[in-house]
Protein backbone atom coordinates (compact mmCIF):
# COMPACT_ATOMS: atom_id res chain seq x y z
CA MET A 1 -3.59 31.84 -12.92
CA SER A 2 -6.78 30.38 -14.37
CA ALA A 3 -10.51 30.98 -14.47
CA PRO A 4 -12.75 29.96 -11.55
CA ARG A 5 -14.31 26.53 -11.83
CA PRO A 6 -18.04 26.40 -12.62
CA HIS A 7 -18.77 24.53 -9.40
CA GLU A 8 -17.56 27.55 -7.42
CA VAL A 9 -20.18 29.71 -9.11
CA LEU A 10 -22.82 27.03 -8.57
CA ALA A 11 -21.86 26.77 -4.89
CA ALA A 12 -22.21 30.53 -4.46
CA LEU A 13 -25.62 30.42 -6.10
CA ARG A 14 -26.75 27.58 -3.83
CA ALA A 15 -25.63 29.65 -0.84
CA LEU A 16 -27.62 32.62 -2.13
CA GLU A 17 -30.69 30.46 -2.61
CA ASP A 18 -30.33 29.05 0.89
CA LEU A 19 -30.21 32.56 2.34
CA ALA A 20 -33.23 33.65 0.29
CA SER A 21 -35.26 30.62 1.37
CA GLY A 22 -35.25 31.88 4.96
CA ASP A 23 -36.55 35.39 4.23
CA PRO A 24 -36.82 36.21 0.51
CA MET A 25 -37.74 39.83 1.21
CA SER A 26 -34.73 40.59 3.41
CA VAL A 27 -31.55 38.71 2.48
CA ARG A 28 -28.69 40.06 4.58
CA GLY A 29 -25.50 39.13 2.80
CA VAL A 30 -23.08 40.05 0.02
CA LEU A 31 -21.31 38.34 -2.84
CA ALA A 32 -17.55 38.95 -2.60
CA THR A 33 -15.38 38.56 -5.74
CA LEU A 34 -11.58 38.60 -5.67
CA VAL A 35 -10.17 41.13 -8.17
CA SER A 36 -6.44 41.29 -7.48
CA ILE A 37 -3.74 40.78 -4.87
CA ASP A 38 -0.96 43.32 -4.42
CA GLY A 39 -2.18 45.31 -7.40
CA SER A 40 -2.12 42.53 -10.01
CA LEU A 41 -4.20 39.60 -11.19
CA GLY A 42 -2.58 37.04 -8.95
CA ASP A 43 -4.00 33.72 -7.79
CA ARG A 44 -7.69 32.96 -8.33
CA PRO A 45 -9.02 36.28 -9.71
CA GLY A 46 -12.77 36.03 -10.16
CA ALA A 47 -13.17 33.57 -7.28
CA SER A 48 -16.22 34.41 -5.19
CA CYS A 49 -18.03 33.54 -1.98
CA VAL A 50 -21.11 34.62 -0.06
CA ILE A 51 -20.65 36.52 3.20
CA ALA A 52 -23.64 36.47 5.54
CA ASP A 53 -24.70 36.96 9.15
CA ASP A 54 -23.27 34.34 11.46
CA THR A 55 -26.70 32.80 12.02
CA ALA A 56 -27.30 32.33 8.27
CA ALA A 57 -23.84 31.21 7.12
CA GLY A 58 -22.24 27.82 7.37
CA GLY A 59 -23.22 26.01 4.15
CA GLU A 60 -21.03 25.42 1.11
CA GLY A 61 -20.06 28.73 -0.54
CA ALA A 62 -21.10 30.90 2.46
CA LEU A 63 -18.86 32.41 5.15
CA ALA A 64 -19.82 34.01 8.47
CA ALA A 65 -19.06 37.71 8.65
CA SER A 66 -17.22 37.23 11.94
CA SER A 67 -14.64 34.97 10.24
CA ILE A 68 -13.34 37.50 7.68
CA PRO A 69 -10.93 40.46 7.99
CA GLU A 70 -12.39 43.60 9.56
CA ALA A 71 -12.10 45.69 6.38
CA LEU A 72 -14.23 43.20 4.46
CA ARG A 73 -16.70 42.88 7.28
CA GLU A 74 -17.20 46.65 7.45
CA ALA A 75 -17.52 46.94 3.66
CA ALA A 76 -20.11 44.14 3.62
CA ALA A 77 -22.17 45.86 6.32
CA ALA A 78 -22.06 49.16 4.42
CA ALA A 79 -23.03 47.52 1.12
CA ILE A 80 -26.02 45.86 2.78
CA ALA A 81 -27.12 49.06 4.48
CA GLU A 82 -26.80 51.22 1.36
CA GLN A 83 -27.68 48.49 -1.18
CA THR A 84 -24.78 49.57 -3.40
CA PRO A 85 -21.71 47.60 -4.54
CA ARG A 86 -18.18 48.77 -3.77
CA LEU A 87 -14.50 47.92 -4.21
CA VAL A 88 -12.58 47.45 -0.98
CA GLU A 89 -8.99 46.69 -0.06
CA ALA A 90 -8.20 44.21 2.69
CA GLU A 91 -5.11 42.48 4.00
CA LEU A 92 -5.37 38.70 3.58
CA SER A 93 -3.25 36.25 5.49
CA GLU A 94 -2.42 32.68 4.52
CA ASP A 95 -4.98 31.45 7.05
CA ASP A 96 -7.87 33.36 5.44
CA ALA A 97 -9.66 30.66 3.43
CA ILE A 98 -12.08 33.08 1.82
CA PHE A 99 -11.56 32.49 -1.88
CA GLY A 100 -10.65 28.84 -1.84
CA PRO A 101 -8.57 26.60 0.42
CA GLY A 102 -6.41 29.44 1.76
CA GLY A 103 -2.76 30.25 1.18
CA LEU A 104 -3.45 33.66 -0.42
CA SER A 105 -1.71 36.54 1.31
CA GLY A 106 -1.24 40.22 0.54
CA ARG A 107 -3.19 43.37 -0.09
CA ALA A 108 -6.31 42.23 -1.93
CA GLU A 109 -8.95 44.10 -3.91
CA VAL A 110 -12.40 42.61 -3.39
CA TRP A 111 -15.64 43.55 -5.14
CA ILE A 112 -18.60 43.55 -2.76
CA GLU A 113 -22.19 43.26 -4.09
CA PRO A 114 -25.28 43.24 -1.89
CA ILE A 115 -27.56 40.28 -2.50
CA THR A 116 -30.55 41.41 -4.52
CA GLY A 117 -33.16 39.68 -6.58
CA GLU A 118 -31.43 40.96 -9.71
CA LEU A 119 -28.07 39.47 -8.68
CA ARG A 120 -29.69 36.11 -7.99
CA GLU A 121 -31.36 36.15 -11.41
CA ARG A 122 -28.06 36.92 -13.12
CA LEU A 123 -26.38 34.01 -11.37
CA ARG A 124 -29.29 31.72 -12.22
CA ASP A 125 -28.77 32.67 -15.86
CA ALA A 126 -25.10 31.75 -15.51
CA ARG A 127 -26.03 28.41 -13.96
CA GLU A 128 -28.47 27.54 -16.74
CA THR A 129 -25.88 28.46 -19.35
CA LEU A 130 -23.26 26.21 -17.74
CA LEU A 131 -25.70 23.32 -17.33
CA ARG A 132 -26.49 23.52 -21.04
CA GLY A 133 -22.80 22.90 -21.63
CA GLU A 134 -22.21 26.45 -22.82
CA GLY A 135 -19.69 28.98 -21.56
CA LEU A 136 -19.89 32.67 -20.83
CA VAL A 137 -17.83 35.66 -19.69
CA ILE A 138 -18.95 37.75 -16.71
CA GLU A 139 -17.97 41.40 -16.85
CA LEU A 140 -17.96 43.49 -13.66
CA SER A 141 -17.63 47.28 -13.93
CA LEU A 142 -15.60 48.36 -10.93
CA SER A 143 -15.46 52.16 -11.38
CA GLY A 144 -16.79 55.10 -13.35
CA GLU A 145 -20.33 55.76 -14.39
CA ASP A 146 -20.99 52.05 -14.93
CA ALA A 147 -19.70 50.97 -11.49
CA GLY A 148 -21.77 48.06 -10.27
CA ARG A 149 -22.92 46.90 -13.67
CA ARG A 150 -22.73 43.14 -14.21
CA ARG A 151 -22.99 41.83 -17.77
CA HIS A 152 -22.84 38.33 -19.26
CA PHE A 153 -21.40 37.72 -22.74
CA PRO A 154 -21.45 34.60 -24.93
CA PRO A 155 -17.97 33.20 -25.67
CA ASP A 156 -17.98 34.31 -29.32
CA ASP A 157 -18.75 37.98 -28.58
CA PRO A 158 -15.87 40.01 -30.09
CA ALA A 159 -15.47 41.99 -26.86
CA VAL A 160 -14.63 38.88 -24.80
CA LYS A 161 -13.64 36.20 -27.34
CA ALA A 162 -9.91 36.41 -26.61
CA CYS A 163 -10.50 36.28 -22.85
CA TYR A 164 -12.63 33.13 -23.16
CA GLN A 165 -10.27 31.37 -25.55
CA GLU A 166 -7.31 31.98 -23.27
CA GLY A 167 -9.35 30.89 -20.25
CA VAL A 168 -7.77 33.58 -18.08
CA PRO A 169 -9.49 36.51 -16.30
CA GLU A 170 -8.48 39.96 -17.45
CA LEU A 171 -8.59 43.37 -15.79
CA GLU A 172 -9.09 46.21 -18.26
CA GLU A 173 -8.01 49.68 -17.11
CA GLU A 174 -8.65 52.74 -19.25
CA ALA A 175 -7.87 56.34 -18.31
CA GLN A 176 -10.82 58.71 -18.67
CA ARG A 177 -11.69 62.13 -17.48
CA GLY A 178 -11.87 62.18 -13.73
CA GLY A 179 -10.18 58.86 -13.12
CA VAL A 180 -9.66 55.31 -14.40
CA ARG A 181 -12.34 53.03 -15.78
CA ARG A 182 -11.79 49.45 -14.61
CA GLN A 183 -13.56 46.28 -15.71
CA LEU A 184 -12.94 42.70 -14.62
CA ARG A 185 -13.80 39.96 -17.10
CA VAL A 186 -14.07 36.39 -15.82
CA PRO A 187 -14.49 33.48 -18.27
CA LEU A 188 -16.61 30.57 -17.06
CA ILE A 189 -15.82 27.46 -19.06
CA PRO A 190 -18.18 24.48 -18.59
CA MET A 191 -16.65 21.33 -17.18
CA GLY A 192 -18.38 19.25 -19.84
CA LYS A 193 -20.77 16.32 -19.83
CA ALA A 194 -20.35 13.05 -17.96
CA LEU A 195 -22.11 9.91 -19.19
CA ILE A 196 -22.03 6.96 -16.78
CA LEU A 197 -23.29 3.55 -17.89
CA GLY A 198 -24.05 1.43 -14.85
CA SER A 199 -25.94 1.57 -11.58
CA GLY A 200 -23.57 0.26 -8.93
CA GLU A 201 -22.55 2.15 -5.81
CA ASP A 202 -19.35 3.27 -7.55
CA CYS A 203 -21.47 4.79 -10.34
CA ARG A 204 -23.67 6.66 -7.87
CA ARG A 205 -20.68 8.05 -6.01
CA LEU A 206 -19.03 8.99 -9.29
CA ALA A 207 -22.18 10.85 -10.34
CA GLU A 208 -22.14 12.76 -7.03
CA SER A 209 -18.46 13.62 -7.40
CA LEU A 210 -18.70 14.85 -11.00
CA ASP A 211 -21.92 16.75 -10.26
CA ARG A 212 -20.25 18.65 -7.41
CA LEU A 213 -17.49 19.67 -9.81
CA GLY A 214 -19.99 21.14 -12.26
CA PHE A 215 -20.25 18.37 -14.88
CA VAL A 216 -23.64 17.80 -16.47
CA VAL A 217 -24.30 14.19 -15.43
CA THR A 218 -26.28 11.52 -17.27
CA VAL A 219 -26.54 7.98 -15.85
CA ALA A 220 -27.94 5.09 -17.88
CA ASP A 221 -28.60 1.41 -17.21
CA HIS A 222 -30.32 -1.10 -19.50
CA ARG A 223 -31.80 -3.06 -16.58
CA PRO A 224 -35.25 -1.84 -15.47
CA GLY A 225 -35.54 -0.29 -12.03
CA ARG A 226 -31.81 -0.02 -11.33
CA LEU A 227 -31.82 3.80 -11.17
CA HIS A 228 -34.73 4.13 -8.76
CA GLY A 229 -34.57 4.46 -5.02
CA GLU A 230 -32.54 6.38 -2.49
CA GLY A 231 -29.43 8.13 -3.73
CA TRP A 232 -30.45 8.56 -7.37
CA ASP A 233 -31.23 12.28 -7.61
CA ARG A 234 -33.48 12.91 -10.60
CA ALA A 235 -33.49 16.63 -9.84
CA ARG A 236 -29.73 16.86 -10.41
CA TRP A 237 -28.95 14.10 -12.91
CA GLN A 238 -30.53 12.83 -16.10
CA LEU A 239 -31.38 9.16 -15.45
CA ILE A 240 -32.00 6.94 -18.47
CA GLU A 241 -33.42 3.41 -18.49
CA GLY A 242 -31.70 1.95 -21.54
CA GLY A 243 -28.39 1.01 -23.11
CA TRP A 244 -25.92 2.95 -25.23
CA ASP A 245 -28.39 4.05 -27.90
CA ALA A 246 -30.77 5.56 -25.33
CA ALA A 247 -27.88 7.14 -23.42
CA ARG A 248 -26.39 8.63 -26.58
CA ALA A 249 -29.73 10.13 -27.60
CA ALA A 250 -30.13 11.73 -24.17
CA CYS A 251 -26.55 12.95 -23.67
CA ARG A 252 -25.45 13.66 -27.26
CA PRO A 253 -21.70 13.01 -26.70
CA ASP A 254 -19.29 15.58 -28.11
CA LEU A 255 -15.64 16.55 -27.65
CA ASP A 256 -16.39 17.73 -24.11
CA THR A 257 -18.02 14.47 -23.01
CA TYR A 258 -16.48 11.95 -20.62
CA VAL A 259 -17.92 8.42 -20.74
CA VAL A 260 -17.49 5.81 -18.00
CA VAL A 261 -18.63 2.23 -18.66
CA ALA A 262 -19.28 0.26 -15.47
CA THR A 263 -22.30 -2.01 -15.95
CA ARG A 264 -20.44 -4.99 -14.41
CA SER A 265 -21.97 -7.12 -17.18
CA TYR A 266 -19.43 -8.35 -19.74
CA SER A 267 -21.87 -8.34 -22.66
CA ALA A 268 -23.39 -4.97 -21.66
CA ASP A 269 -19.93 -3.43 -21.27
CA LEU A 270 -18.98 -4.72 -24.71
CA ARG A 271 -22.12 -3.27 -26.31
CA ALA A 272 -21.56 0.06 -24.58
CA LEU A 273 -17.91 0.21 -25.64
CA LYS A 274 -18.77 -0.56 -29.26
CA GLY A 275 -20.84 2.62 -29.22
CA ALA A 276 -18.75 4.79 -26.90
CA VAL A 277 -15.28 4.17 -28.32
CA PRO A 278 -16.09 5.41 -31.89
CA SER A 279 -18.07 8.35 -30.50
CA PRO A 280 -16.52 11.85 -30.36
CA ALA A 281 -16.25 11.63 -26.54
CA ARG A 282 -12.98 13.02 -25.26
CA TYR A 283 -12.57 10.19 -22.75
CA VAL A 284 -13.93 6.65 -22.48
CA GLY A 285 -13.09 4.75 -19.31
CA LEU A 286 -13.87 1.10 -18.52
CA VAL A 287 -14.18 0.12 -14.86
CA GLY A 288 -13.10 -3.44 -14.04
CA ALA A 289 -10.18 -5.80 -13.62
CA ALA A 290 -7.15 -5.55 -15.90
CA GLY A 291 -7.53 -9.01 -17.47
CA ARG A 292 -11.21 -8.43 -18.19
CA ALA A 293 -10.45 -5.02 -19.66
CA ALA A 294 -7.76 -6.46 -21.91
CA LYS A 295 -10.10 -9.17 -23.16
CA LEU A 296 -12.82 -6.61 -23.93
CA LEU A 297 -10.29 -4.46 -25.77
CA SER A 298 -9.19 -7.47 -27.80
CA GLU A 299 -12.81 -8.23 -28.76
CA LEU A 300 -13.34 -4.61 -29.74
CA ARG A 301 -10.37 -4.76 -32.08
CA GLU A 302 -11.53 -8.06 -33.51
CA SER A 303 -14.83 -6.36 -34.41
CA GLY A 304 -13.00 -3.46 -36.05
CA VAL A 305 -13.38 -0.94 -33.21
CA GLU A 306 -10.04 0.72 -32.45
CA PRO A 307 -9.74 3.22 -29.56
CA ARG A 308 -8.28 6.61 -30.39
CA PRO A 309 -4.84 7.17 -28.83
CA GLY A 310 -5.16 8.93 -25.49
CA ALA A 311 -8.97 8.70 -25.36
CA PHE A 312 -9.45 5.21 -23.87
CA SER A 313 -8.54 4.12 -20.35
CA ALA A 314 -8.95 0.55 -19.14
CA PRO A 315 -9.25 0.02 -16.25
CA ALA A 316 -10.51 3.56 -15.70
CA GLY A 317 -9.03 5.79 -13.01
CA LEU A 318 -5.65 7.02 -11.91
CA ASP A 319 -3.36 4.42 -10.44
CA VAL A 320 -4.14 4.85 -6.72
CA GLY A 321 -4.89 1.23 -5.82
CA ALA A 322 -8.66 1.86 -5.81
CA GLU A 323 -10.83 -1.03 -4.61
CA THR A 324 -13.90 0.33 -2.80
CA ALA A 325 -16.72 2.27 -4.45
CA GLU A 326 -15.49 5.52 -2.90
CA GLU A 327 -11.92 4.91 -4.08
CA ILE A 328 -12.99 4.00 -7.60
CA ALA A 329 -15.12 7.15 -7.88
CA LEU A 330 -12.19 9.24 -6.63
CA ALA A 331 -9.71 7.64 -9.04
CA VAL A 332 -11.99 8.01 -12.08
CA THR A 333 -12.87 11.60 -11.17
CA ALA A 334 -9.17 12.44 -10.87
CA GLU A 335 -8.38 10.90 -14.24
CA ILE A 336 -11.22 12.79 -15.93
CA LEU A 337 -9.92 16.05 -14.43
CA ALA A 338 -6.42 15.23 -15.64
CA VAL A 339 -7.64 14.51 -19.16
CA ARG A 340 -9.71 17.70 -19.19
CA ALA A 341 -6.69 19.75 -18.09
CA GLU A 342 -4.41 17.89 -20.54
CA ARG A 343 -2.06 16.91 -17.75
CA LYS A 344 0.45 14.31 -18.81
CA GLY A 345 0.45 12.36 -15.58
CA GLY A 346 -3.20 11.44 -15.82
CA ARG A 347 -3.67 11.00 -19.53
CA PRO A 348 -4.52 7.41 -20.55
CA ALA A 349 -2.58 5.98 -23.43
CA ARG A 350 -3.48 2.30 -23.59
CA ALA A 351 -5.08 -0.52 -21.65
CA ARG A 352 -3.29 -0.85 -18.35
CA ALA A 353 -3.71 -2.45 -14.97
CA ALA A 354 -5.61 -0.96 -12.07
CA GLY A 355 -2.40 -0.59 -10.15
CA SER A 356 -3.42 -2.16 -6.86
CA SER A 357 -0.78 -4.91 -6.93
CA PRO A 358 2.07 -5.07 -4.38
CA LEU A 359 4.70 -4.66 -7.09
CA GLN A 360 3.17 -1.46 -8.42
CA ARG A 361 2.67 -0.03 -4.96
CA LYS A 362 6.44 -0.22 -4.52
CA GLY A 363 6.86 2.66 -6.94
CA GLY A 364 5.31 2.23 -10.35
CA VAL A 365 7.44 -0.75 -11.42
CA LYS A 366 7.42 -1.44 -15.16
CA ILE A 367 7.37 -4.95 -16.62
CA PRO A 368 9.44 -5.34 -19.82
CA GLY A 369 8.54 -7.58 -22.72
CA LEU A 370 10.94 -9.76 -24.68
CA VAL A 371 10.07 -10.91 -28.23
CA LEU A 372 12.34 -13.73 -29.45
CA ALA A 373 12.66 -13.68 -33.24
CA ALA A 374 16.30 -14.59 -34.02
CA GLY A 375 15.97 -18.14 -35.40
CA ARG A 376 16.52 -19.18 -39.01
CA GLY A 377 13.15 -20.94 -39.47
CA LYS A 378 14.64 -23.60 -41.76
CA ARG A 379 11.44 -25.71 -41.87
CA PHE A 380 9.48 -22.81 -43.36
CA GLY A 381 11.34 -22.86 -46.68
CA GLN A 382 13.15 -20.20 -48.67
CA SER A 383 10.91 -17.23 -47.86
CA SER A 384 11.01 -15.28 -44.61
CA LYS A 385 8.75 -16.55 -41.84
CA LEU A 386 8.86 -13.15 -40.12
CA LEU A 387 7.46 -11.45 -43.24
CA ALA A 388 4.80 -14.09 -43.97
CA ALA A 389 1.35 -12.50 -44.07
CA VAL A 390 -1.38 -13.36 -41.54
CA ASP A 391 -4.56 -11.33 -41.99
CA GLY A 392 -2.62 -9.00 -44.28
CA ARG A 393 0.20 -8.22 -41.81
CA PRO A 394 3.62 -9.82 -41.24
CA VAL A 395 3.79 -12.49 -38.55
CA LEU A 396 6.36 -10.61 -36.46
CA ARG A 397 4.39 -7.37 -36.69
CA HIS A 398 1.37 -9.11 -35.13
CA VAL A 399 3.47 -10.18 -32.15
CA VAL A 400 5.19 -6.83 -31.62
CA GLU A 401 1.95 -4.84 -31.97
CA THR A 402 0.33 -7.13 -29.39
CA ALA A 403 3.23 -6.53 -27.00
CA LEU A 404 2.98 -2.76 -27.51
CA SER A 405 -0.80 -2.75 -27.03
CA ALA A 406 -0.23 -4.26 -23.58
CA ARG A 407 1.54 -2.27 -20.88
CA LEU A 408 4.96 -3.84 -21.33
CA ASP A 409 7.80 -1.32 -21.04
CA PRO A 410 10.22 -1.62 -22.75
CA VAL A 411 9.42 -4.09 -25.52
CA ILE A 412 12.71 -5.72 -26.56
CA VAL A 413 12.81 -7.51 -29.93
CA VAL A 414 15.76 -9.86 -30.48
CA LEU A 415 16.64 -10.45 -34.15
CA GLY A 416 19.30 -12.69 -35.66
CA ALA A 417 18.95 -14.66 -38.89
CA GLY A 418 16.97 -12.61 -41.37
CA ALA A 419 17.37 -9.45 -39.28
CA GLU A 420 16.65 -7.27 -42.32
CA ASP A 421 13.34 -9.07 -42.83
CA GLY A 422 12.53 -8.61 -39.17
CA LEU A 423 13.20 -4.87 -39.40
CA LYS A 424 11.04 -4.65 -42.50
CA ALA A 425 8.19 -6.48 -40.73
CA ILE A 426 8.04 -3.89 -37.94
CA GLU A 427 8.90 -0.88 -40.08
CA GLY A 428 6.88 2.21 -39.13
CA LEU A 429 6.06 1.18 -35.56
CA ASP A 430 6.64 4.41 -33.69
CA ASP A 431 6.66 3.74 -29.96
CA PRO A 432 9.36 4.92 -27.53
CA ARG A 433 9.12 1.61 -25.66
CA LEU A 434 10.30 -0.41 -28.68
CA ARG A 435 13.94 -1.60 -28.69
CA VAL A 436 15.52 -3.85 -31.30
CA VAL A 437 18.75 -5.76 -30.56
CA PHE A 438 20.80 -8.20 -32.66
CA ASN A 439 22.00 -11.61 -31.48
CA PRO A 440 25.23 -12.38 -33.37
CA ALA A 441 25.27 -15.92 -31.91
CA TRP A 442 21.76 -16.80 -33.06
CA SER A 443 22.96 -20.02 -34.68
CA THR A 444 23.85 -21.52 -31.26
CA GLY A 445 20.21 -21.70 -30.21
CA LYS A 446 17.50 -19.86 -28.27
CA ALA A 447 19.57 -19.60 -25.11
CA SER A 448 21.83 -17.00 -26.72
CA SER A 449 18.80 -14.89 -27.69
CA PHE A 450 17.56 -15.05 -24.12
CA GLU A 451 20.98 -13.93 -22.92
CA VAL A 452 21.05 -10.96 -25.32
CA GLY A 453 17.50 -9.94 -24.43
CA LEU A 454 17.94 -10.23 -20.66
CA ARG A 455 20.93 -7.86 -20.84
CA GLU A 456 18.46 -5.18 -22.04
CA VAL A 457 16.05 -5.65 -19.13
CA PRO A 458 16.21 -2.60 -16.80
CA PRO A 459 17.95 -3.42 -13.50
CA ASP A 460 14.92 -2.41 -11.41
CA ALA A 461 12.48 -4.63 -13.34
CA PRO A 462 11.14 -7.54 -11.24
CA GLY A 463 11.05 -9.86 -14.26
CA VAL A 464 10.27 -10.11 -17.95
CA VAL A 465 7.37 -11.34 -20.11
CA THR A 466 8.49 -13.30 -23.17
CA LEU A 467 6.66 -13.83 -26.46
CA LEU A 468 7.71 -15.87 -29.46
CA GLY A 469 8.02 -14.06 -32.79
CA ASP A 470 6.18 -16.79 -34.72
CA MET A 471 2.95 -16.84 -32.64
CA PRO A 472 0.71 -14.13 -34.12
CA ARG A 473 -2.55 -15.34 -32.54
CA VAL A 474 -1.60 -14.57 -28.92
CA PRO A 475 -4.11 -11.84 -27.93
CA ALA A 476 -3.38 -8.71 -25.91
CA TRP A 477 -5.84 -9.69 -23.18
CA LEU A 478 -3.83 -12.85 -22.49
CA VAL A 479 -0.61 -10.81 -22.22
CA GLU A 480 -2.38 -8.50 -19.76
CA ARG A 481 -3.63 -11.47 -17.74
CA VAL A 482 -0.10 -12.86 -17.45
CA ILE A 483 1.18 -9.44 -16.37
CA ALA A 484 -1.58 -9.03 -13.79
CA GLU A 485 -0.98 -12.47 -12.24
CA PHE A 486 2.78 -11.89 -12.18
CA GLU A 487 2.33 -8.52 -10.46
CA LEU A 488 0.12 -10.13 -7.86
CA LYS A 489 2.24 -13.21 -7.08
CA GLY A 490 5.73 -12.36 -8.40
CA ALA A 491 6.15 -15.98 -9.55
CA LEU A 492 6.72 -17.78 -12.84
CA THR A 493 3.45 -17.32 -14.79
CA PHE A 494 2.11 -18.78 -18.04
CA PRO A 495 -1.12 -20.11 -19.62
CA VAL A 496 -1.85 -23.83 -19.93
CA TYR A 497 -4.28 -25.84 -22.03
CA SER A 498 -5.14 -29.52 -22.37
CA GLY A 499 -3.14 -31.66 -24.79
CA PRO A 500 -3.24 -35.36 -25.69
CA GLU A 501 -0.69 -36.14 -23.00
CA GLY A 502 -1.81 -33.68 -20.32
CA PRO A 503 -1.39 -29.95 -19.62
CA VAL A 504 0.62 -28.03 -22.23
CA LYS A 505 2.55 -24.86 -21.37
CA GLY A 506 1.55 -21.88 -23.46
CA HIS A 507 2.82 -18.34 -24.09
CA PRO A 508 3.46 -15.60 -23.09
CA THR A 509 5.56 -16.41 -20.02
CA ALA A 510 6.50 -14.14 -17.13
CA TYR A 511 9.89 -14.99 -15.63
CA PRO A 512 10.80 -13.47 -12.24
CA ARG A 513 14.27 -11.98 -11.95
CA GLU A 514 15.23 -14.77 -9.54
CA LEU A 515 15.25 -17.18 -12.52
CA PHE A 516 17.45 -15.01 -14.78
CA GLY A 517 20.67 -16.62 -13.56
CA GLU A 518 19.26 -20.11 -14.03
CA ILE A 519 18.13 -19.25 -17.57
CA GLY A 520 21.49 -17.70 -18.36
CA ARG A 521 23.31 -20.93 -17.57
CA LEU A 522 21.36 -22.85 -20.21
CA VAL A 523 22.74 -23.49 -23.68
CA GLY A 524 21.43 -24.44 -27.12
CA ASP A 525 17.69 -24.66 -27.67
CA ASP A 526 16.73 -25.99 -24.22
CA THR A 527 16.55 -22.40 -22.96
CA ALA A 528 14.00 -21.42 -20.37
CA MET A 529 11.85 -24.53 -20.80
CA ALA A 530 14.23 -26.36 -18.50
CA ALA A 531 13.66 -23.69 -15.85
CA VAL A 532 9.91 -24.03 -16.36
CA ARG A 533 10.07 -27.77 -15.79
CA GLY A 534 12.11 -27.22 -12.65
CA HIS A 535 9.58 -24.76 -11.19
CA TRP A 536 6.32 -26.16 -12.60
CA GLY A 537 4.81 -26.87 -9.19
CA GLU A 538 5.26 -23.30 -7.89
CA ALA A 539 4.25 -21.56 -11.13
CA VAL A 540 1.02 -19.59 -11.59
CA LYS A 541 -0.85 -21.36 -14.39
CA ILE A 542 -3.65 -19.59 -16.28
CA PRO A 543 -6.06 -22.19 -17.72
CA LEU A 544 -7.30 -21.82 -21.31
CA ASP A 545 -10.14 -23.95 -22.59
CA ASP A 546 -8.35 -24.51 -25.91
CA GLY A 547 -5.03 -23.86 -27.62
CA LEU A 548 -6.27 -21.69 -30.49
CA THR A 549 -4.21 -18.72 -29.32
CA GLN A 550 -1.09 -20.87 -29.14
CA ALA A 551 -0.63 -21.73 -32.82
CA ASP A 552 2.93 -21.14 -34.05
CA ILE A 553 4.34 -21.16 -37.56
CA ASP A 554 7.05 -23.69 -38.36
CA THR A 555 6.06 -24.64 -41.92
CA ALA A 556 4.24 -23.11 -44.87
CA GLN A 557 1.37 -25.50 -44.11
CA ASP A 558 1.11 -24.01 -40.61
CA LEU A 559 0.72 -20.60 -42.22
CA GLU A 560 -2.10 -21.83 -44.49
CA LEU A 561 -3.97 -23.27 -41.51
CA LEU A 562 -3.43 -20.13 -39.48
CA ASN A 563 -4.91 -17.92 -42.17
CA VAL A 564 -8.20 -19.80 -41.76
CA LYS A 565 -9.24 -17.45 -38.99
CA PRO A 566 -10.81 -19.26 -36.01
CA GLU A 567 -14.18 -18.10 -34.71
CA THR A 568 -12.81 -17.81 -31.20
CA GLN A 569 -9.37 -16.76 -30.08
CA GLY A 570 -9.04 -18.87 -26.98
CA ARG A 571 -11.09 -18.48 -23.83
CA LEU A 572 -10.33 -18.61 -20.15
CA LEU A 573 -11.87 -21.49 -18.25
């Protein structure tokens, strides 16, 4: 049981206004409110609809009198004739879609109010309150001397505060001389504010969808003239010509604000995210491809902007394989509703792919990550390479945090020589996806570490993405790009860049399960590189315009060079 949604109240008001527009002096209809089913507050108490003559009904929120049970129809006619409200009992069947999509059955109590100018004004007040982003509690007196009285209370009024905070309607019954005094209190909690940055067809459809659900919608675009023309309803939405600063000033984001960034301009998206991510908004979603989203997230982090856990979704929208404007609007709307309701299935946790790949459509397949960090590192000297500091953090911690910031699941870290140092480097990382395993045969070469790690790969995983524990400059967006290409093609996937003697294979690398047996037969340090050479022609190669992200640490001199932070972290061609 929960409170009615604001859009249901707004739909009823629109139906009332439509009826009044035909003949304001003689509106023949009633507002019906569900009180209880089978004597208790069952499903959807407080839900309401307008019942009108057959000739006037038909719009959203209005039902024709001929389509409802006879007891309700007779009560509605009597209320109209006498201009007095009344409580009536009626038998509802599962096919009676009166207070929602149907499925309610049993003996129902329904409050019937004739449509008057006063009722319309009270509902207009409720609408204005909701559109200001404020809540209220509606109290209906169902019996006694006050029968028919409708009152609106602010959420902090002591008489209704508990009802509003719980978000559940309540029916108060108090014995008094001559009978029982009954009052129904219905909390109306605003959906919140939606701020959309962009002007594409997906943005317009998203604005329509969120508006219908009762969100207060603001749309902004920094490009002049983009929010003019057919489809952009200035009467319903606040339309702003400007970027994040102008949008923020108009919308004033708070904890009940949901921001969607979809300008389709890389630089404009980045500027908007730099403002939206640190804002108090409850949700920030970025529309776009997975690789692009990962690169934007990496740039945000490089500039010191870190998304709050659970508040950032990239790409935005539930994983439904959305591609068209309608599908994107549906997916993003669904995710916003899930976040608002604090439903686990829809809550974003990190940058992740859009989910339209064949592999994911087979049932939400997860791609594991494998971090190889078992070698001795003899060329580095006496100190631990895994603990060596780059930008103030241990080398191995950089790599593992990058793997965890991508959507790899699980992330398997293979340690060997210096295992204690490796554990110290990643100490405090609290993520259920993280697994650490020990390779007792580390001294025989990398092949043994591959063998140990591959044993930890879940049997239903289509492959694995490997990273090397001494390459701290590999960015999360590149990991995401490798994952996305692997999901699409299911083939060996890795980045490449130009070297003095031709193309050079980079990291990370996605290995399909079909190559696991071939890798397992290798020995020593040749490891998977032999498999790569054997399948080079069929591999998916992601071109980089330089090798800055591919620096590894073999010697102390390598570490000194790496700590001179490059201006760019590798770019796609």
